[in-house]
Structures are given as structure tokens and as C-alpha cells.
Amino acid sequence: MSKHRLLGMSGSLRKDATNRFLIRNAARLYGDAEYTEADLNLPLYNGDDEAAHGAPESVIRLAGQIAVADAVIISTPEYNKMITGVLKNALDWVSRVKPQPWAGKPVAVMSAAAGRAGGALAQSSLVASMVAFQPNLIIGPEVAVAGSSQEFDQDGQLTNERYEAALKTLMEKLRAEVGD
């Protein structure tokens, strides 16, 4: 197989979001791959707009990125014990695109949040949100970076060895699922 195509999706739009840092660290630990970071700054889903105009170009681009990726890494912060509206909106939009790009796609989920649980509840809601799409979810080890603003250096590198080890194992499982 040629170089793997890896897509990263951060549930935060912030430029220096810890979830953006986390997917970049995951891509580094995944190893040799062509890495792309998705843009989830999409218009809010509105069925009337979709019926009148179809899916926006930004949604078609995202669905295409998912379709051609060999694997996807998704990281979400936790907002009110759930995934972010940004991530849910992206999932809703992509669910409208045919053929469904998520079907059978190897996907690893993770989270980084300010709280002590590191976004574990958001991860659970993300998995629940993804089940309908029938991806190949890579489960465990759970990577939920707690107190996330303290766990990355000024260059966005993960500094906690325990999180790094869990993330490395998760990426090894994801890479094995893609194969060579």
C-alpha cells in the first residue's frame, strides 16, 4: 500500500485548541502518513437550505476528505457533558452525503478538556453519534486528556508520558486496522 492518508478532525474551531494539538500528536505517533486537518467551520445544517441548494461545497469537501482517507482521528472537547455543536453539525451534514463516507472507515476518537475527566463523556456521546454511520471504531485505550491546557508545551507537543503512551497504543491499533 502507498503512504496512508490520515484525516484529523478537531471538535474545536480555535486555532490553538488542545484538541487540535491532540490530533496533531496522534498523527505524529501514527507514523508515516499524508496528514490532512479537516475544516469543520460549516454553516449550520438546515433542511430547507439543503432542499433548495444542496449541500454546501465545504460539506462536499469534508465528505470527500473522509471518503479518501484511510483512517480518521477525531478529538472533541466536552461542552455540557457532550460533543461540541461544531462536531455534531459536521456529523449531521456528512450524514446527508451519499454514498456514506463513514461506512467501514477506521476511526479513532479521543478528547481533551479542562475538567478532571478529560472529556470522557464527550467521547461517549461521539461514539453514540457515530454508530449510525457504521464506521470501524477503534476502541481503547481511552485517551481523555484532563486539564488539557497544562498537558501541551508551547509548540503543542504532549508532555504527559501516560497520555503519550495511551495515544501511541491507540494509533498503533488504528494503523494495524488500515494495514500496509
N, C-alpha and C. Protein backbone atom coordinates (compact mmCIF):
# COMPACT_ATOMS: atom_id res chain seq x y z
N MET A 1 0.84 -1.18 0.00
CA MET A 1 0.00 0.00 0.00
C MET A 1 0.88 1.24 0.00
N SER A 2 0.43 2.28 -0.68
CA SER A 2 1.18 3.53 -0.66
C SER A 2 1.00 4.20 0.70
N LYS A 3 1.58 5.36 0.84
CA LYS A 3 1.51 6.11 2.10
C LYS A 3 0.05 6.27 2.52
N HIS A 4 -0.24 6.00 3.79
CA HIS A 4 -1.60 6.13 4.32
C HIS A 4 -2.05 7.58 4.26
N ARG A 5 -3.35 7.76 4.05
CA ARG A 5 -3.98 9.09 4.10
C ARG A 5 -4.75 9.16 5.41
N LEU A 6 -4.36 10.10 6.25
CA LEU A 6 -4.91 10.25 7.59
C LEU A 6 -5.61 11.60 7.69
N LEU A 7 -6.87 11.59 8.14
CA LEU A 7 -7.64 12.82 8.31
C LEU A 7 -7.84 13.08 9.78
N GLY A 8 -7.56 14.29 10.22
CA GLY A 8 -7.80 14.70 11.60
C GLY A 8 -8.96 15.66 11.67
N MET A 9 -9.83 15.47 12.66
CA MET A 9 -10.97 16.35 12.87
C MET A 9 -10.98 16.80 14.32
N SER A 10 -10.90 18.12 14.53
CA SER A 10 -10.98 18.67 15.88
C SER A 10 -12.37 19.26 16.08
N GLY A 11 -12.98 18.92 17.19
CA GLY A 11 -14.31 19.46 17.53
C GLY A 11 -14.27 20.89 17.99
N SER A 12 -13.12 21.52 17.95
CA SER A 12 -12.99 22.93 18.32
C SER A 12 -12.47 23.71 17.13
N LEU A 13 -13.03 24.89 16.93
CA LEU A 13 -12.58 25.74 15.83
C LEU A 13 -11.38 26.61 16.21
N ARG A 14 -11.05 26.69 17.48
CA ARG A 14 -9.95 27.53 17.93
C ARG A 14 -8.63 27.09 17.30
N LYS A 15 -7.85 28.07 16.86
CA LYS A 15 -6.56 27.79 16.20
C LYS A 15 -5.62 27.00 17.12
N ASP A 16 -5.54 27.38 18.38
CA ASP A 16 -4.64 26.72 19.33
C ASP A 16 -5.40 25.83 20.32
N ALA A 17 -6.46 25.22 19.87
CA ALA A 17 -7.25 24.33 20.72
C ALA A 17 -6.42 23.10 21.10
N THR A 18 -6.56 22.66 22.33
CA THR A 18 -5.83 21.47 22.76
C THR A 18 -6.28 20.23 21.98
N ASN A 19 -7.51 20.21 21.50
CA ASN A 19 -7.95 19.08 20.67
C ASN A 19 -7.26 19.09 19.32
N ARG A 20 -6.96 20.25 18.80
CA ARG A 20 -6.18 20.35 17.57
C ARG A 20 -4.76 19.85 17.83
N PHE A 21 -4.19 20.24 18.98
CA PHE A 21 -2.86 19.74 19.36
C PHE A 21 -2.89 18.21 19.49
N LEU A 22 -3.97 17.68 20.08
CA LEU A 22 -4.04 16.25 20.32
C LEU A 22 -4.09 15.47 19.01
N ILE A 23 -4.88 15.92 18.02
CA ILE A 23 -4.91 15.17 16.75
C ILE A 23 -3.59 15.28 16.01
N ARG A 24 -2.89 16.39 16.18
CA ARG A 24 -1.56 16.52 15.54
C ARG A 24 -0.56 15.57 16.20
N ASN A 25 -0.63 15.42 17.52
CA ASN A 25 0.23 14.46 18.20
C ASN A 25 -0.14 13.04 17.80
N ALA A 26 -1.42 12.78 17.63
CA ALA A 26 -1.85 11.46 17.18
C ALA A 26 -1.30 11.16 15.79
N ALA A 27 -1.37 12.14 14.90
CA ALA A 27 -0.83 11.95 13.54
C ALA A 27 0.67 11.67 13.59
N ARG A 28 1.37 12.38 14.46
CA ARG A 28 2.83 12.15 14.61
C ARG A 28 3.10 10.72 15.06
N LEU A 29 2.32 10.25 16.04
CA LEU A 29 2.52 8.91 16.58
C LEU A 29 2.01 7.82 15.64
N TYR A 30 1.09 8.17 14.76
CA TYR A 30 0.61 7.21 13.75
C TYR A 30 1.77 6.82 12.84
N GLY A 31 2.62 7.78 12.56
CA GLY A 31 3.79 7.49 11.73
C GLY A 31 3.61 8.02 10.32
N ASP A 32 4.39 7.48 9.43
CA ASP A 32 4.44 7.94 8.05
C ASP A 32 3.06 7.92 7.41
N ALA A 33 2.50 9.11 7.18
CA ALA A 33 1.18 9.23 6.56
C ALA A 33 1.05 10.63 5.97
N GLU A 34 0.19 10.74 4.99
CA GLU A 34 -0.19 12.04 4.44
C GLU A 34 -1.32 12.55 5.32
N TYR A 35 -1.04 13.57 6.13
CA TYR A 35 -2.00 14.05 7.12
C TYR A 35 -2.70 15.31 6.63
N THR A 36 -4.02 15.32 6.77
CA THR A 36 -4.84 16.49 6.44
C THR A 36 -5.72 16.79 7.64
N GLU A 37 -5.88 18.08 7.93
CA GLU A 37 -6.76 18.50 9.01
C GLU A 37 -8.03 19.08 8.40
N ALA A 38 -9.15 18.54 8.78
CA ALA A 38 -10.44 18.98 8.24
C ALA A 38 -10.84 20.34 8.80
N ASP A 39 -11.57 21.09 8.00
CA ASP A 39 -12.14 22.36 8.42
C ASP A 39 -13.61 22.12 8.74
N LEU A 40 -13.98 22.23 10.02
CA LEU A 40 -15.36 22.00 10.44
C LEU A 40 -16.14 23.29 10.59
N ASN A 41 -15.62 24.38 10.08
CA ASN A 41 -16.32 25.66 10.14
C ASN A 41 -17.36 25.68 9.00
N LEU A 42 -18.46 24.97 9.24
CA LEU A 42 -19.50 24.75 8.26
C LEU A 42 -20.75 25.55 8.63
N PRO A 43 -21.60 25.86 7.65
CA PRO A 43 -22.87 26.51 8.01
C PRO A 43 -23.72 25.53 8.83
N LEU A 44 -24.60 26.08 9.65
CA LEU A 44 -25.49 25.21 10.42
C LEU A 44 -26.39 24.43 9.48
N TYR A 45 -26.59 23.15 9.82
CA TYR A 45 -27.46 22.34 8.98
C TYR A 45 -28.89 22.90 9.03
N ASN A 46 -29.50 23.03 7.84
CA ASN A 46 -30.88 23.48 7.71
C ASN A 46 -31.47 22.70 6.53
N GLY A 47 -32.45 21.85 6.81
CA GLY A 47 -33.04 21.01 5.79
C GLY A 47 -33.67 21.80 4.65
N ASP A 48 -34.22 22.98 4.94
CA ASP A 48 -34.81 23.81 3.88
C ASP A 48 -33.72 24.32 2.94
N ASP A 49 -32.59 24.77 3.52
CA ASP A 49 -31.47 25.22 2.68
C ASP A 49 -30.92 24.07 1.85
N GLU A 50 -30.81 22.89 2.46
CA GLU A 50 -30.31 21.74 1.73
C GLU A 50 -31.25 21.39 0.57
N ALA A 51 -32.56 21.42 0.82
CA ALA A 51 -33.52 21.09 -0.24
C ALA A 51 -33.45 22.10 -1.38
N ALA A 52 -33.21 23.36 -1.03
CA ALA A 52 -33.18 24.41 -2.06
C ALA A 52 -31.86 24.48 -2.80
N HIS A 53 -30.76 24.21 -2.11
CA HIS A 53 -29.43 24.44 -2.70
C HIS A 53 -28.50 23.24 -2.69
N GLY A 54 -28.88 22.17 -2.03
CA GLY A 54 -27.98 21.03 -1.89
C GLY A 54 -26.96 21.29 -0.79
N ALA A 55 -26.07 20.37 -0.60
CA ALA A 55 -25.03 20.52 0.42
C ALA A 55 -24.02 21.58 -0.04
N PRO A 56 -23.57 22.42 0.89
CA PRO A 56 -22.56 23.42 0.55
C PRO A 56 -21.25 22.77 0.11
N GLU A 57 -20.45 23.49 -0.65
CA GLU A 57 -19.16 22.99 -1.13
C GLU A 57 -18.27 22.55 0.03
N SER A 58 -18.32 23.28 1.16
CA SER A 58 -17.48 22.92 2.31
C SER A 58 -17.86 21.55 2.87
N VAL A 59 -19.13 21.19 2.81
CA VAL A 59 -19.59 19.89 3.28
C VAL A 59 -19.16 18.80 2.30
N ILE A 60 -19.31 19.07 1.01
CA ILE A 60 -18.90 18.11 -0.02
C ILE A 60 -17.39 17.85 0.10
N ARG A 61 -16.62 18.91 0.36
CA ARG A 61 -15.17 18.76 0.54
C ARG A 61 -14.87 17.87 1.75
N LEU A 62 -15.53 18.12 2.87
CA LEU A 62 -15.31 17.31 4.08
C LEU A 62 -15.68 15.85 3.82
N ALA A 63 -16.82 15.61 3.22
CA ALA A 63 -17.23 14.23 2.93
C ALA A 63 -16.22 13.55 2.00
N GLY A 64 -15.69 14.31 1.05
CA GLY A 64 -14.67 13.76 0.15
C GLY A 64 -13.38 13.43 0.89
N GLN A 65 -13.00 14.28 1.84
CA GLN A 65 -11.80 14.02 2.64
C GLN A 65 -11.97 12.74 3.46
N ILE A 66 -13.15 12.56 4.02
CA ILE A 66 -13.43 11.35 4.79
C ILE A 66 -13.37 10.13 3.87
N ALA A 67 -14.00 10.26 2.71
CA ALA A 67 -14.07 9.13 1.77
C ALA A 67 -12.69 8.65 1.32
N VAL A 68 -11.78 9.57 1.05
CA VAL A 68 -10.46 9.16 0.53
C VAL A 68 -9.46 8.83 1.64
N ALA A 69 -9.77 9.19 2.88
CA ALA A 69 -8.86 8.90 3.99
C ALA A 69 -8.83 7.40 4.25
N ASP A 70 -7.66 6.90 4.59
CA ASP A 70 -7.55 5.51 5.01
C ASP A 70 -8.01 5.35 6.46
N ALA A 71 -7.90 6.43 7.24
CA ALA A 71 -8.32 6.41 8.63
C ALA A 71 -8.60 7.85 9.06
N VAL A 72 -9.43 7.98 10.10
CA VAL A 72 -9.81 9.30 10.63
C VAL A 72 -9.57 9.32 12.13
N ILE A 73 -9.03 10.44 12.60
CA ILE A 73 -8.83 10.70 14.03
C ILE A 73 -9.74 11.86 14.39
N ILE A 74 -10.57 11.68 15.41
CA ILE A 74 -11.47 12.75 15.86
C ILE A 74 -11.19 13.03 17.33
N SER A 75 -11.01 14.30 17.66
CA SER A 75 -10.84 14.71 19.05
C SER A 75 -11.86 15.79 19.37
N THR A 76 -12.50 15.66 20.51
CA THR A 76 -13.52 16.63 20.89
C THR A 76 -13.33 17.16 22.30
N PRO A 77 -13.56 18.45 22.48
CA PRO A 77 -13.68 18.94 23.85
C PRO A 77 -15.05 18.50 24.40
N GLU A 78 -15.29 18.78 25.64
CA GLU A 78 -16.58 18.45 26.25
C GLU A 78 -17.30 19.73 26.59
N TYR A 79 -18.45 19.93 25.98
CA TYR A 79 -19.29 21.09 26.26
C TYR A 79 -20.58 20.58 26.87
N ASN A 80 -20.81 20.89 28.13
CA ASN A 80 -22.03 20.48 28.82
C ASN A 80 -22.25 18.97 28.72
N LYS A 81 -21.18 18.22 28.94
CA LYS A 81 -21.18 16.76 29.00
C LYS A 81 -21.43 16.08 27.66
N MET A 82 -21.23 16.81 26.57
CA MET A 82 -21.49 16.28 25.23
C MET A 82 -20.40 16.74 24.28
N ILE A 83 -20.48 16.25 23.02
CA ILE A 83 -19.61 16.76 21.97
C ILE A 83 -20.02 18.20 21.66
N THR A 84 -19.16 18.88 20.97
CA THR A 84 -19.44 20.28 20.63
C THR A 84 -20.49 20.36 19.53
N GLY A 85 -21.15 21.52 19.46
CA GLY A 85 -22.09 21.78 18.38
C GLY A 85 -21.40 21.76 17.03
N VAL A 86 -20.16 22.23 16.99
CA VAL A 86 -19.37 22.23 15.75
C VAL A 86 -19.22 20.81 15.21
N LEU A 87 -18.86 19.88 16.07
CA LEU A 87 -18.66 18.50 15.64
C LEU A 87 -19.99 17.84 15.29
N LYS A 88 -21.01 18.04 16.10
CA LYS A 88 -22.33 17.45 15.81
C LYS A 88 -22.86 17.97 14.49
N ASN A 89 -22.71 19.26 14.23
CA ASN A 89 -23.16 19.84 12.97
C ASN A 89 -22.44 19.20 11.78
N ALA A 90 -21.13 19.00 11.91
CA ALA A 90 -20.36 18.36 10.84
C ALA A 90 -20.85 16.92 10.60
N LEU A 91 -21.09 16.18 11.68
CA LEU A 91 -21.59 14.82 11.54
C LEU A 91 -22.97 14.81 10.89
N ASP A 92 -23.83 15.74 11.28
CA ASP A 92 -25.16 15.83 10.68
C ASP A 92 -25.07 16.12 9.19
N TRP A 93 -24.25 17.09 8.81
CA TRP A 93 -24.10 17.43 7.39
C TRP A 93 -23.58 16.23 6.60
N VAL A 94 -22.52 15.60 7.09
CA VAL A 94 -21.91 14.49 6.34
C VAL A 94 -22.88 13.31 6.24
N SER A 95 -23.76 13.16 7.22
CA SER A 95 -24.74 12.06 7.16
C SER A 95 -25.68 12.21 5.97
N ARG A 96 -25.78 13.40 5.41
CA ARG A 96 -26.68 13.67 4.30
C ARG A 96 -26.04 13.38 2.94
N VAL A 97 -24.73 13.16 2.93
CA VAL A 97 -24.00 12.94 1.68
C VAL A 97 -24.04 11.46 1.31
N LYS A 98 -24.32 11.19 0.06
CA LYS A 98 -24.36 9.81 -0.43
C LYS A 98 -23.31 9.64 -1.52
N PRO A 99 -22.59 8.52 -1.60
CA PRO A 99 -22.65 7.43 -0.63
C PRO A 99 -22.03 7.85 0.70
N GLN A 100 -22.42 7.17 1.75
CA GLN A 100 -21.97 7.49 3.10
C GLN A 100 -20.47 7.23 3.24
N PRO A 101 -19.67 8.29 3.47
CA PRO A 101 -18.21 8.10 3.52
C PRO A 101 -17.69 7.41 4.78
N TRP A 102 -18.50 7.34 5.83
CA TRP A 102 -18.04 6.75 7.08
C TRP A 102 -18.08 5.22 7.09
N ALA A 103 -18.89 4.61 6.24
CA ALA A 103 -19.13 3.16 6.30
C ALA A 103 -17.81 2.38 6.22
N GLY A 104 -17.53 1.62 7.28
CA GLY A 104 -16.34 0.78 7.33
C GLY A 104 -15.02 1.52 7.55
N LYS A 105 -15.06 2.84 7.67
CA LYS A 105 -13.84 3.64 7.82
C LYS A 105 -13.24 3.45 9.20
N PRO A 106 -11.95 3.11 9.32
CA PRO A 106 -11.31 3.06 10.64
C PRO A 106 -11.26 4.46 11.27
N VAL A 107 -11.80 4.57 12.47
CA VAL A 107 -11.90 5.85 13.17
C VAL A 107 -11.45 5.68 14.61
N ALA A 108 -10.57 6.56 15.06
CA ALA A 108 -10.15 6.60 16.46
C ALA A 108 -10.66 7.90 17.06
N VAL A 109 -11.23 7.82 18.26
CA VAL A 109 -11.74 9.01 18.94
C VAL A 109 -10.94 9.26 20.21
N MET A 110 -10.89 10.54 20.56
CA MET A 110 -10.16 10.97 21.75
C MET A 110 -10.72 12.31 22.19
N SER A 111 -10.24 12.81 23.31
CA SER A 111 -10.73 14.10 23.79
C SER A 111 -9.68 14.78 24.66
N ALA A 112 -9.83 16.08 24.72
CA ALA A 112 -9.01 16.90 25.61
C ALA A 112 -9.93 17.97 26.17
N ALA A 113 -9.93 18.12 27.48
CA ALA A 113 -10.84 19.07 28.11
C ALA A 113 -10.23 19.63 29.39
N ALA A 114 -10.77 20.73 29.85
CA ALA A 114 -10.27 21.38 31.05
C ALA A 114 -10.56 20.58 32.31
N GLY A 115 -11.63 19.83 32.32
CA GLY A 115 -12.06 19.12 33.51
C GLY A 115 -11.22 17.90 33.85
N ARG A 116 -11.52 17.32 35.02
CA ARG A 116 -10.76 16.17 35.53
C ARG A 116 -10.98 14.89 34.74
N ALA A 117 -12.10 14.79 34.03
CA ALA A 117 -12.38 13.57 33.26
C ALA A 117 -11.85 13.66 31.84
N GLY A 118 -11.35 14.82 31.45
CA GLY A 118 -10.71 14.96 30.14
C GLY A 118 -11.63 14.81 28.94
N GLY A 119 -12.93 14.94 29.17
CA GLY A 119 -13.86 14.83 28.05
C GLY A 119 -14.38 13.42 27.82
N ALA A 120 -14.30 12.57 28.83
CA ALA A 120 -14.74 11.17 28.67
C ALA A 120 -16.22 11.08 28.29
N LEU A 121 -17.05 11.95 28.85
CA LEU A 121 -18.47 11.92 28.47
C LEU A 121 -18.68 12.36 27.03
N ALA A 122 -17.89 13.31 26.59
CA ALA A 122 -17.98 13.74 25.19
C ALA A 122 -17.58 12.59 24.26
N GLN A 123 -16.58 11.83 24.65
CA GLN A 123 -16.19 10.67 23.84
C GLN A 123 -17.33 9.68 23.73
N SER A 124 -18.01 9.43 24.83
CA SER A 124 -19.15 8.51 24.80
C SER A 124 -20.24 9.02 23.87
N SER A 125 -20.52 10.32 23.93
CA SER A 125 -21.55 10.87 23.04
C SER A 125 -21.08 10.85 21.59
N LEU A 126 -19.79 11.00 21.36
CA LEU A 126 -19.26 10.93 19.99
C LEU A 126 -19.42 9.52 19.44
N VAL A 127 -19.06 8.52 20.22
CA VAL A 127 -19.23 7.14 19.78
C VAL A 127 -20.70 6.86 19.48
N ALA A 128 -21.60 7.29 20.37
CA ALA A 128 -23.03 7.09 20.15
C ALA A 128 -23.49 7.79 18.87
N SER A 129 -22.95 8.97 18.59
CA SER A 129 -23.31 9.71 17.39
C SER A 129 -22.82 9.03 16.12
N MET A 130 -21.72 8.31 16.22
CA MET A 130 -21.10 7.69 15.05
C MET A 130 -21.69 6.32 14.70
N VAL A 131 -22.30 5.63 15.64
CA VAL A 131 -22.75 4.26 15.44
C VAL A 131 -23.64 4.13 14.20
N ALA A 132 -24.53 5.07 13.98
CA ALA A 132 -25.45 5.00 12.84
C ALA A 132 -24.71 4.98 11.50
N PHE A 133 -23.51 5.53 11.46
CA PHE A 133 -22.75 5.61 10.21
C PHE A 133 -21.97 4.33 9.92
N GLN A 134 -21.88 3.44 10.88
CA GLN A 134 -21.21 2.15 10.78
C GLN A 134 -19.73 2.25 10.39
N PRO A 135 -18.98 3.14 11.07
CA PRO A 135 -17.53 3.14 10.85
C PRO A 135 -16.92 1.97 11.60
N ASN A 136 -15.66 1.77 11.40
CA ASN A 136 -14.91 0.76 12.16
C ASN A 136 -14.24 1.50 13.31
N LEU A 137 -14.96 1.64 14.43
CA LEU A 137 -14.45 2.38 15.57
C LEU A 137 -13.37 1.58 16.28
N ILE A 138 -12.21 2.18 16.47
CA ILE A 138 -11.10 1.57 17.19
C ILE A 138 -11.29 1.94 18.65
N ILE A 139 -11.59 0.96 19.45
CA ILE A 139 -11.93 1.21 20.85
C ILE A 139 -10.73 0.90 21.75
N GLY A 140 -10.34 1.89 22.52
CA GLY A 140 -9.31 1.76 23.53
C GLY A 140 -7.90 1.62 23.00
N PRO A 141 -6.97 2.06 23.79
CA PRO A 141 -7.20 2.63 25.11
C PRO A 141 -7.82 4.02 25.00
N GLU A 142 -8.62 4.35 26.00
CA GLU A 142 -9.24 5.67 26.00
C GLU A 142 -8.17 6.74 26.20
N VAL A 143 -8.22 7.77 25.37
CA VAL A 143 -7.33 8.92 25.52
C VAL A 143 -8.23 10.11 25.82
N ALA A 144 -8.22 10.53 27.09
CA ALA A 144 -9.02 11.65 27.56
C ALA A 144 -8.09 12.54 28.38
N VAL A 145 -7.57 13.57 27.75
CA VAL A 145 -6.56 14.43 28.37
C VAL A 145 -7.25 15.43 29.30
N ALA A 146 -7.06 15.24 30.60
CA ALA A 146 -7.66 16.10 31.62
C ALA A 146 -6.78 17.33 31.85
N GLY A 147 -7.39 18.43 32.26
CA GLY A 147 -6.62 19.65 32.49
C GLY A 147 -5.77 19.97 31.28
N SER A 148 -6.37 19.88 30.11
CA SER A 148 -5.62 19.85 28.85
C SER A 148 -4.73 21.07 28.60
N SER A 149 -5.10 22.21 29.13
CA SER A 149 -4.26 23.39 28.87
C SER A 149 -2.88 23.27 29.52
N GLN A 150 -2.73 22.34 30.45
CA GLN A 150 -1.44 22.13 31.13
C GLN A 150 -0.66 20.95 30.57
N GLU A 151 -1.20 20.25 29.59
CA GLU A 151 -0.60 19.00 29.11
C GLU A 151 0.15 19.10 27.79
N PHE A 152 0.23 20.31 27.23
CA PHE A 152 0.94 20.54 25.97
C PHE A 152 1.93 21.68 26.17
N ASP A 153 3.09 21.55 25.53
CA ASP A 153 4.06 22.64 25.63
C ASP A 153 3.70 23.76 24.65
N GLN A 154 4.55 24.79 24.58
CA GLN A 154 4.27 25.95 23.74
C GLN A 154 4.23 25.61 22.25
N ASP A 155 4.79 24.47 21.87
CA ASP A 155 4.77 24.03 20.47
C ASP A 155 3.64 23.04 20.20
N GLY A 156 2.78 22.80 21.20
CA GLY A 156 1.66 21.88 21.02
C GLY A 156 2.01 20.42 21.21
N GLN A 157 3.19 20.13 21.74
CA GLN A 157 3.60 18.74 21.97
C GLN A 157 3.06 18.25 23.32
N LEU A 158 2.52 17.06 23.31
CA LEU A 158 2.02 16.43 24.52
C LEU A 158 3.19 16.20 25.48
N THR A 159 3.03 16.57 26.74
CA THR A 159 4.14 16.47 27.69
C THR A 159 3.95 15.35 28.72
N ASN A 160 2.78 14.77 28.80
CA ASN A 160 2.49 13.74 29.79
C ASN A 160 2.77 12.36 29.19
N GLU A 161 3.68 11.64 29.79
CA GLU A 161 4.10 10.33 29.27
C GLU A 161 2.98 9.31 29.27
N ARG A 162 2.10 9.37 30.25
CA ARG A 162 0.98 8.42 30.33
C ARG A 162 0.03 8.63 29.16
N TYR A 163 -0.31 9.89 28.88
CA TYR A 163 -1.19 10.18 27.74
C TYR A 163 -0.49 9.82 26.42
N GLU A 164 0.78 10.13 26.34
CA GLU A 164 1.56 9.82 25.13
C GLU A 164 1.55 8.31 24.87
N ALA A 165 1.74 7.51 25.92
CA ALA A 165 1.76 6.06 25.76
C ALA A 165 0.40 5.52 25.31
N ALA A 166 -0.67 6.02 25.90
CA ALA A 166 -2.01 5.58 25.50
C ALA A 166 -2.31 5.99 24.06
N LEU A 167 -1.93 7.21 23.70
CA LEU A 167 -2.15 7.70 22.34
C LEU A 167 -1.35 6.88 21.34
N LYS A 168 -0.13 6.53 21.70
CA LYS A 168 0.71 5.71 20.81
C LYS A 168 0.07 4.34 20.59
N THR A 169 -0.43 3.73 21.63
CA THR A 169 -1.08 2.43 21.50
C THR A 169 -2.33 2.53 20.63
N LEU A 170 -3.13 3.58 20.84
CA LEU A 170 -4.33 3.78 20.03
C LEU A 170 -3.97 3.95 18.55
N MET A 171 -2.91 4.71 18.27
CA MET A 171 -2.50 4.92 16.89
C MET A 171 -1.92 3.65 16.27
N GLU A 172 -1.25 2.83 17.07
CA GLU A 172 -0.76 1.54 16.57
C GLU A 172 -1.93 0.65 16.18
N LYS A 173 -2.99 0.67 16.99
CA LYS A 173 -4.19 -0.12 16.67
C LYS A 173 -4.87 0.41 15.41
N LEU A 174 -4.92 1.72 15.26
CA LEU A 174 -5.52 2.32 14.07
C LEU A 174 -4.71 1.95 12.83
N ARG A 175 -3.40 2.08 12.91
CA ARG A 175 -2.51 1.75 11.77
C ARG A 175 -2.66 0.26 11.41
N ALA A 176 -2.73 -0.60 12.41
CA ALA A 176 -2.87 -2.04 12.15
C ALA A 176 -4.19 -2.32 11.43
N GLU A 177 -5.22 -1.58 11.78
CA GLU A 177 -6.51 -1.78 11.12
C GLU A 177 -6.47 -1.36 9.66
N VAL A 178 -5.71 -0.33 9.35
CA VAL A 178 -5.56 0.11 7.96
C VAL A 178 -4.73 -0.90 7.19
N GLY A 179 -3.71 -1.45 7.84
CA GLY A 179 -2.82 -2.41 7.18
C GLY A 179 -1.77 -1.71 6.35
N ASP A 180 -0.95 -2.50 5.65
CA ASP A 180 0.11 -1.92 4.81
C ASP A 180 -0.13 -2.09 3.36
